[in-house]
Amino acid sequence: MVAQVNVALGPGQVVDDARAAMLAYYAFTGMADRMAAGLLTTPTAIRDAVTAFDDLGADEVMLYCHGVDPDQVDRLADVL
């Protein structure tokens, strides 16, 4: 089982840009607001989601980062 969570870590502008990207990406679904509301933006929320999926038996959890800031990679590595 593979799970995916949408994430963005960093200063407010990074998170705002990621949320805007999600709204544009999911616009065709008619649920863009709902998808953007699920964006995980704190280390605790990301760790909790990964733990929850692990507890459910997920083999992999993909962190789909909608932020364009390359420092996202290091921030996410520090979280996990």
N, C-alpha and C. Protein backbone atom coordinates (compact mmCIF):
# COMPACT_ATOMS: atom_id res chain seq x y z
N MET A 1 0.85 -1.17 0.00
CA MET A 1 0.00 0.00 0.00
C MET A 1 0.90 1.24 0.00
N VAL A 2 0.54 2.17 -0.84
CA VAL A 2 1.28 3.43 -0.93
C VAL A 2 0.31 4.56 -0.63
N ALA A 3 0.74 5.48 0.23
CA ALA A 3 -0.08 6.64 0.58
C ALA A 3 0.64 7.90 0.11
N GLN A 4 -0.13 8.94 -0.09
CA GLN A 4 0.43 10.23 -0.47
C GLN A 4 -0.17 11.31 0.41
N VAL A 5 0.68 12.21 0.88
CA VAL A 5 0.20 13.38 1.61
C VAL A 5 0.81 14.62 0.96
N ASN A 6 0.04 15.67 0.92
CA ASN A 6 0.49 16.94 0.36
C ASN A 6 1.12 17.76 1.47
N VAL A 7 2.32 18.26 1.22
CA VAL A 7 3.07 18.96 2.26
C VAL A 7 3.72 20.24 1.73
N ALA A 8 4.00 21.13 2.64
CA ALA A 8 4.82 22.32 2.37
C ALA A 8 5.34 22.81 3.71
N LEU A 9 6.63 22.97 3.79
CA LEU A 9 7.25 23.45 5.03
C LEU A 9 8.07 24.70 4.72
N GLY A 10 8.01 25.64 5.62
CA GLY A 10 8.84 26.82 5.46
C GLY A 10 8.11 28.07 5.87
N PRO A 11 8.69 29.20 5.49
CA PRO A 11 8.07 30.49 5.81
C PRO A 11 6.68 30.60 5.19
N GLY A 12 5.91 31.53 5.69
CA GLY A 12 4.54 31.71 5.25
C GLY A 12 4.38 31.82 3.74
N GLN A 13 5.29 32.51 3.08
CA GLN A 13 5.17 32.68 1.62
C GLN A 13 5.32 31.35 0.90
N VAL A 14 6.18 30.47 1.40
CA VAL A 14 6.35 29.14 0.81
C VAL A 14 5.06 28.35 0.91
N VAL A 15 4.45 28.39 2.08
CA VAL A 15 3.19 27.67 2.30
C VAL A 15 2.07 28.28 1.47
N ASP A 16 2.02 29.60 1.42
CA ASP A 16 0.98 30.28 0.62
C ASP A 16 1.12 29.93 -0.86
N ASP A 17 2.35 29.92 -1.36
CA ASP A 17 2.59 29.57 -2.76
C ASP A 17 2.17 28.12 -3.04
N ALA A 18 2.48 27.23 -2.11
CA ALA A 18 2.12 25.82 -2.27
C ALA A 18 0.60 25.66 -2.28
N ARG A 19 -0.07 26.36 -1.39
CA ARG A 19 -1.53 26.29 -1.34
C ARG A 19 -2.14 26.82 -2.65
N ALA A 20 -1.59 27.91 -3.17
CA ALA A 20 -2.07 28.46 -4.44
C ALA A 20 -1.85 27.46 -5.58
N ALA A 21 -0.71 26.79 -5.57
CA ALA A 21 -0.42 25.78 -6.59
C ALA A 21 -1.41 24.63 -6.51
N MET A 22 -1.74 24.22 -5.29
CA MET A 22 -2.73 23.14 -5.12
C MET A 22 -4.11 23.57 -5.62
N LEU A 23 -4.49 24.79 -5.30
CA LEU A 23 -5.80 25.28 -5.76
C LEU A 23 -5.88 25.27 -7.28
N ALA A 24 -4.80 25.67 -7.93
CA ALA A 24 -4.78 25.66 -9.39
C ALA A 24 -4.77 24.22 -9.92
N TYR A 25 -3.97 23.37 -9.32
CA TYR A 25 -3.82 21.99 -9.79
C TYR A 25 -5.13 21.21 -9.68
N TYR A 26 -5.82 21.37 -8.57
CA TYR A 26 -7.05 20.60 -8.32
C TYR A 26 -8.32 21.32 -8.76
N ALA A 27 -8.21 22.46 -9.42
CA ALA A 27 -9.38 23.24 -9.81
C ALA A 27 -10.38 22.42 -10.62
N PHE A 28 -9.90 21.54 -11.48
CA PHE A 28 -10.79 20.75 -12.35
C PHE A 28 -11.67 19.79 -11.57
N THR A 29 -11.30 19.48 -10.33
CA THR A 29 -12.05 18.49 -9.55
C THR A 29 -13.30 19.06 -8.91
N GLY A 30 -13.34 20.38 -8.78
CA GLY A 30 -14.44 21.00 -8.05
C GLY A 30 -14.26 20.90 -6.54
N MET A 31 -13.12 20.33 -6.11
CA MET A 31 -12.82 20.17 -4.67
C MET A 31 -11.48 20.80 -4.31
N ALA A 32 -11.06 21.79 -5.05
CA ALA A 32 -9.74 22.38 -4.81
C ALA A 32 -9.60 22.91 -3.39
N ASP A 33 -10.62 23.56 -2.88
CA ASP A 33 -10.56 24.09 -1.51
C ASP A 33 -10.35 22.97 -0.50
N ARG A 34 -11.06 21.89 -0.72
CA ARG A 34 -10.94 20.73 0.20
C ARG A 34 -9.53 20.14 0.15
N MET A 35 -8.98 20.02 -1.04
CA MET A 35 -7.64 19.47 -1.18
C MET A 35 -6.61 20.40 -0.53
N ALA A 36 -6.72 21.69 -0.78
CA ALA A 36 -5.77 22.65 -0.22
C ALA A 36 -5.88 22.70 1.30
N ALA A 37 -7.07 22.49 1.83
CA ALA A 37 -7.25 22.49 3.29
C ALA A 37 -6.51 21.32 3.94
N GLY A 38 -6.25 20.27 3.18
CA GLY A 38 -5.54 19.11 3.71
C GLY A 38 -4.03 19.22 3.63
N LEU A 39 -3.51 20.34 3.14
CA LEU A 39 -2.07 20.53 3.04
C LEU A 39 -1.43 20.50 4.43
N LEU A 40 -0.46 19.64 4.61
CA LEU A 40 0.23 19.54 5.91
C LEU A 40 1.39 20.52 5.91
N THR A 41 1.44 21.39 6.92
CA THR A 41 2.41 22.49 6.91
C THR A 41 3.27 22.57 8.16
N THR A 42 3.16 21.57 9.03
CA THR A 42 4.00 21.57 10.24
C THR A 42 4.70 20.23 10.37
N PRO A 43 5.87 20.23 11.00
CA PRO A 43 6.56 18.96 11.22
C PRO A 43 5.71 17.96 11.98
N THR A 44 4.98 18.41 12.98
CA THR A 44 4.14 17.50 13.77
C THR A 44 3.06 16.87 12.92
N ALA A 45 2.39 17.66 12.10
CA ALA A 45 1.32 17.12 11.25
C ALA A 45 1.88 16.10 10.26
N ILE A 46 3.04 16.36 9.72
CA ILE A 46 3.65 15.43 8.77
C ILE A 46 4.05 14.13 9.46
N ARG A 47 4.71 14.25 10.60
CA ARG A 47 5.10 13.04 11.36
C ARG A 47 3.87 12.23 11.76
N ASP A 48 2.83 12.91 12.23
CA ASP A 48 1.61 12.21 12.64
C ASP A 48 0.97 11.46 11.46
N ALA A 49 0.96 12.09 10.29
CA ALA A 49 0.37 11.44 9.11
C ALA A 49 1.18 10.22 8.71
N VAL A 50 2.49 10.35 8.70
CA VAL A 50 3.35 9.21 8.34
C VAL A 50 3.15 8.08 9.34
N THR A 51 3.09 8.40 10.62
CA THR A 51 2.87 7.38 11.65
C THR A 51 1.51 6.71 11.46
N ALA A 52 0.48 7.49 11.18
CA ALA A 52 -0.87 6.93 11.00
C ALA A 52 -0.90 5.97 9.82
N PHE A 53 -0.27 6.34 8.71
CA PHE A 53 -0.24 5.44 7.56
C PHE A 53 0.60 4.20 7.83
N ASP A 54 1.68 4.38 8.58
CA ASP A 54 2.49 3.23 8.97
C ASP A 54 1.67 2.27 9.83
N ASP A 55 0.91 2.83 10.76
CA ASP A 55 0.05 2.01 11.61
C ASP A 55 -1.01 1.25 10.81
N LEU A 56 -1.42 1.82 9.68
CA LEU A 56 -2.39 1.16 8.81
C LEU A 56 -1.76 0.11 7.90
N GLY A 57 -0.43 0.04 7.93
CA GLY A 57 0.27 -0.96 7.12
C GLY A 57 0.82 -0.45 5.80
N ALA A 58 0.89 0.85 5.63
CA ALA A 58 1.44 1.39 4.38
C ALA A 58 2.89 0.99 4.23
N ASP A 59 3.25 0.58 3.02
CA ASP A 59 4.63 0.24 2.71
C ASP A 59 5.45 1.49 2.39
N GLU A 60 4.78 2.49 1.85
CA GLU A 60 5.43 3.75 1.49
C GLU A 60 4.47 4.90 1.76
N VAL A 61 5.05 6.03 2.14
CA VAL A 61 4.28 7.27 2.23
C VAL A 61 5.04 8.30 1.42
N MET A 62 4.41 8.77 0.37
CA MET A 62 5.03 9.78 -0.48
C MET A 62 4.62 11.16 0.02
N LEU A 63 5.61 12.02 0.18
CA LEU A 63 5.35 13.40 0.58
C LEU A 63 5.36 14.23 -0.69
N TYR A 64 4.19 14.62 -1.16
CA TYR A 64 4.08 15.39 -2.40
C TYR A 64 4.15 16.86 -2.03
N CYS A 65 5.25 17.47 -2.40
CA CYS A 65 5.51 18.86 -2.03
C CYS A 65 5.08 19.79 -3.15
N HIS A 66 4.15 20.64 -2.85
CA HIS A 66 3.67 21.61 -3.84
C HIS A 66 4.47 22.90 -3.79
N GLY A 67 5.40 23.02 -2.87
CA GLY A 67 6.24 24.21 -2.79
C GLY A 67 7.39 24.13 -3.78
N VAL A 68 7.80 25.27 -4.30
CA VAL A 68 8.89 25.29 -5.26
C VAL A 68 10.23 25.63 -4.62
N ASP A 69 10.24 25.91 -3.35
CA ASP A 69 11.47 26.23 -2.63
C ASP A 69 12.31 24.96 -2.48
N PRO A 70 13.53 24.92 -3.04
CA PRO A 70 14.35 23.71 -2.97
C PRO A 70 14.73 23.30 -1.53
N ASP A 71 14.64 24.23 -0.59
CA ASP A 71 14.94 23.90 0.81
C ASP A 71 13.91 22.96 1.41
N GLN A 72 12.79 22.75 0.69
CA GLN A 72 11.79 21.80 1.16
C GLN A 72 12.41 20.43 1.40
N VAL A 73 13.31 20.02 0.55
CA VAL A 73 13.92 18.70 0.65
C VAL A 73 14.62 18.55 2.00
N ASP A 74 15.42 19.53 2.38
CA ASP A 74 16.14 19.47 3.64
C ASP A 74 15.17 19.57 4.83
N ARG A 75 14.18 20.43 4.74
CA ARG A 75 13.22 20.57 5.82
C ARG A 75 12.48 19.25 6.06
N LEU A 76 12.06 18.61 4.98
CA LEU A 76 11.35 17.34 5.11
C LEU A 76 12.26 16.24 5.64
N ALA A 77 13.50 16.24 5.20
CA ALA A 77 14.46 15.24 5.71
C ALA A 77 14.64 15.40 7.21
N ASP A 78 14.68 16.63 7.68
CA ASP A 78 14.85 16.90 9.11
C ASP A 78 13.63 16.43 9.92
N VAL A 79 12.45 16.47 9.31
CA VAL A 79 11.22 16.06 9.98
C VAL A 79 11.22 14.56 10.22
N LEU A 80 11.68 13.80 9.24
CA LEU A 80 11.61 12.36 9.33
C LEU A 80 12.94 11.80 9.71
